[in-house]
Amino acid sequence: MTTNEKQASDGSGSGKLCAVVPVKVTTDAKQRLASILSASQRRSLALTMLEDVLATLAHVAGLADTVVVTADPAAAVIAGRYGAQVWSDGAQTGHTGAVVAAARRLARAHLDMLTLPGDIPLVEPDDVRILADATEPFVIVPARDDLGSNAVRCAPPDIVPLRFGDNSFFPHLVAARGLSIAPKVIRLPRIALDIDTPQDLALFLAQPSRTRTRALLDGWRVPTDRETEALA
């Protein structure tokens, strides 16, 4: 067992839940927002959204640990600020590779897994508690378009093969049912809104929030909701 695995398993037995947040290198972050935000703004946005997510997870007492899977130095600094571990295994192989690598390590450490993206700044502790309290072995929260898989809870972490992307929600349901596992679908609007496109950004800006992300965007000349939707 590696040092990180030992740290993850200290004080926890089978059934304890670890949150996993995969984060890509932020120098190329959020390319689909390039029509309205500069490269430096997109990087700042990605890191600020990550901070909102980690701040929320830090307020969920039931989690055994939080892990950020990344090769990005700035993301690693933010993770440390919120007491999250940083793992690099799989970090260079995309969202799926990062989560699958973490799932393997957590399975060896006898921890269950809740994986969330780093770009859902509206997420609140109550959303995470709903997922943490779920008793089903495979729980999934779809994206707002019912295509992506924005949160997945697996007990154990490798119970269902995971493959993320723009069209992963229904394939995940099929994969679970193919293993005779009944997936539990929970719709949580704050988790469902990940910010990738101008339309996503418009929907975020239409909702009042006290997030770091909102404060950041309010400080920029970001297009209005109608202007942003026109660019989608």
Foldseek 3Di string as FASTA:
>chain_A
DDPVLCVLQPPDAALAEEEEEEDAALQCAQPQCVVFDPSVLRSVLLLQLLLLVLVQVLPQVRHSAYEYAAPHPSNCVSCVVSVHHYHPQQNHVDDLSSLVVVLVSVVVSNHWYKYAYSQLNLDHNVVVVVVSPDDFQWEFEAAPVQAFTGMITHRNSPQFRADTDRGGRVVRCVRCVVVVGHYHYDYDHSSNQGDRHLQSVLVVQVDDDPGSSNVSVVVDCGDHSVVSVVSD
